[in-house]
Structures are given as C-alpha cells and as structure tokens.
C-alpha cells in the first residue's frame, strides 16, 4: 500500500489549495483516509478524515468550515480543498490510511493511521 500526497505550495492568506492523496495497492473503499499536518516544532495533528464509504467525515475544530474533504473512487484519490488559508495553516501535510477497517469518525489520531505518504509542504504568507 502506498499513499502519495501532492498539491502543496505557497499562497497568500485568504488563498486556496487543493491537496490530493493517491492511494495505490488497495481500493479506496476499504479503509478510512485521514489528512494530518505537522508544523516545525509541533506534534502531528489530525486535520480531516473520510470514511471508507465516504459518508462520514471528520474536521478538526481549527478548520472552522474552511476545508472540504472528498474522494473519487474511480481515481482512488482523496482530496482536501483548503480555502481561506491562514498563516497558521503552514505545515507539511500528510495523508494516511486507517489501520483497521472500522473507523470511529469522532477521532482522528495519528497513532491509528499507517502507510503514511511523503507529505506536501503548504506555506501561507500574511
């Protein structure tokens, strides 16, 4: 199983980016996928997650309605649309697959996820 994150870049505050997570080796409909981020000197934190069937979604409180997670089963890809970006959103963003087939969508804990992608840098300037 491989997950490959892409789509990061540098934008000004208020701008938008769409991150992509291409999943290889397993059909997207088997496991939940999560997006996480890690800023320098900080712990990795959960940003958003989507269930294997796509019906359940999780957003961290700090997202405040600015991000949207979606999946395209035909492309085996999960997207994270990020709008109204803030400088504090600056981090390396990673996607990962839930370790078990059953995911409690109330939580997005890095320890419950594996097959981490390489990460994509998001930089938001003020």
Protein backbone atom coordinates (compact mmCIF):
# COMPACT_ATOMS: atom_id res chain seq x y z
CA UNK A 1 0.00 0.00 0.00
CA UNK A 2 1.28 3.45 -0.93
CA UNK A 3 -0.17 6.88 -0.38
CA UNK A 4 1.19 9.85 -2.28
CA UNK A 5 0.27 13.38 -1.26
CA UNK A 6 0.60 16.29 -3.67
CA UNK A 7 -0.77 19.74 -4.36
CA UNK A 8 1.00 21.81 -1.75
CA UNK A 9 2.53 25.18 -2.50
CA UNK A 10 2.91 28.78 -1.38
CA UNK A 11 -0.10 31.08 -1.23
CA UNK A 12 -1.05 34.33 0.44
CA UNK A 13 -3.50 34.45 3.32
CA UNK A 14 -7.04 34.01 2.05
CA UNK A 15 -5.92 31.85 -0.85
CA UNK A 16 -6.79 28.26 -1.70
CA UNK A 17 -5.06 24.97 -2.38
CA UNK A 18 -6.31 21.51 -3.23
CA UNK A 19 -4.31 18.60 -1.89
CA UNK A 20 -4.53 15.15 -3.45
CA UNK A 21 -3.81 11.77 -1.91
CA UNK A 22 -3.37 8.99 -4.45
CA UNK A 23 -3.86 5.55 -2.91
CA UNK A 24 -2.16 2.57 -4.53
CA UNK A 25 -2.39 -1.11 -3.66
CA UNK A 26 -5.83 -1.21 -2.09
CA UNK A 27 -9.25 0.00 -3.21
CA UNK A 28 -10.27 3.28 -1.63
CA UNK A 29 -13.48 1.77 -0.29
CA UNK A 30 -11.76 -0.47 2.25
CA UNK A 31 -10.26 1.98 4.76
CA UNK A 32 -10.76 5.50 6.05
CA UNK A 33 -8.24 8.08 4.90
CA UNK A 34 -7.01 10.95 7.02
CA UNK A 35 -5.18 14.19 6.40
CA UNK A 36 -2.70 15.34 9.03
CA UNK A 37 -0.26 18.20 9.32
CA UNK A 38 2.92 18.95 11.18
CA UNK A 39 4.41 22.39 11.65
CA UNK A 40 8.04 22.88 12.73
CA UNK A 41 8.47 22.16 16.42
CA UNK A 42 4.92 20.89 16.80
CA UNK A 43 3.30 17.48 17.02
CA UNK A 44 1.48 15.96 14.10
CA UNK A 45 -2.24 16.72 14.29
CA UNK A 46 -5.36 15.49 12.54
CA UNK A 47 -6.95 17.84 10.02
CA UNK A 48 -9.71 15.89 8.28
CA UNK A 49 -10.80 12.32 7.63
CA UNK A 50 -13.25 10.47 5.44
CA UNK A 51 -14.69 7.01 5.94
CA UNK A 52 -14.23 4.11 3.56
CA UNK A 53 -17.73 4.62 2.18
CA UNK A 54 -17.41 8.39 2.09
CA UNK A 55 -20.46 9.05 4.27
CA UNK A 56 -18.65 10.03 7.45
CA UNK A 57 -16.25 12.94 7.69
CA UNK A 58 -14.19 14.50 10.42
CA UNK A 59 -12.86 18.03 10.63
CA UNK A 60 -10.64 19.44 13.33
CA UNK A 61 -12.07 22.42 15.20
CA UNK A 62 -9.45 24.74 13.75
CA UNK A 63 -10.74 24.07 10.22
CA UNK A 64 -13.82 26.19 11.02
CA UNK A 65 -15.59 25.31 7.77
CA UNK A 66 -12.69 26.33 5.52
CA UNK A 67 -11.66 22.86 4.31
CA UNK A 68 -13.61 20.16 2.45
CA UNK A 69 -12.61 16.52 2.14
CA UNK A 70 -13.82 14.41 -0.75
CA UNK A 71 -12.98 11.18 -2.51
CA UNK A 72 -13.01 9.93 -6.07
CA UNK A 73 -13.21 6.13 -6.10
CA UNK A 74 -12.59 5.92 -9.83
CA UNK A 75 -9.25 7.67 -9.35
CA UNK A 76 -8.54 6.10 -5.93
CA UNK A 77 -7.83 9.60 -4.69
CA UNK A 78 -8.86 11.64 -1.67
CA UNK A 79 -8.85 15.42 -1.91
CA UNK A 80 -8.60 18.17 0.66
CA UNK A 81 -9.86 21.51 -0.63
CA UNK A 82 -8.46 24.26 1.56
CA UNK A 83 -9.95 27.74 1.29
CA UNK A 84 -9.43 30.94 3.29
CA UNK A 85 -5.98 29.77 4.26
CA UNK A 86 -4.26 31.38 7.22
CA UNK A 87 -0.55 31.69 8.06
CA UNK A 88 -1.11 29.25 10.92
CA UNK A 89 -2.07 26.60 8.35
CA UNK A 90 1.57 26.49 7.27
CA UNK A 91 2.82 22.91 7.71
CA UNK A 92 3.74 19.71 5.94
CA UNK A 93 0.50 17.90 5.13
CA UNK A 94 0.36 14.11 5.11
CA UNK A 95 -2.28 11.58 4.18
CA UNK A 96 -2.53 8.18 5.79
CA UNK A 97 -4.77 5.12 5.90
CA UNK A 98 -6.63 3.92 8.97
CA UNK A 99 -5.08 0.76 10.36
CA UNK A 100 -8.38 -1.06 10.82
CA UNK A 101 -11.40 -1.30 8.53
CA UNK A 102 -13.67 0.21 11.19
CA UNK A 103 -13.05 3.88 11.98
CA UNK A 104 -14.69 5.97 14.72
CA UNK A 105 -15.21 9.28 12.91
CA UNK A 106 -15.24 11.20 16.19
CA UNK A 107 -11.48 10.88 16.33
CA UNK A 108 -8.52 11.41 14.04
CA UNK A 109 -5.50 10.15 15.94
CA UNK A 110 -2.17 9.75 14.11
CA UNK A 111 -1.46 6.55 16.06
CA UNK A 112 -4.48 4.88 14.42
CA UNK A 113 -3.18 5.50 10.91
CA UNK A 114 -0.40 3.98 8.82
CA UNK A 115 1.02 3.83 5.31
CA UNK A 116 1.96 7.48 5.56
CA UNK A 117 2.66 9.38 2.37
CA UNK A 118 5.74 11.54 1.97
CA UNK A 119 3.99 14.83 2.78
CA UNK A 120 3.48 18.03 0.83
CA UNK A 121 4.50 21.48 2.05
CA UNK A 122 1.86 24.19 2.46
CA UNK A 123 3.12 27.70 3.13
CA UNK A 124 0.73 30.59 3.74
CA UNK A 125 2.15 34.09 3.91
CA UNK A 126 0.47 37.09 5.51
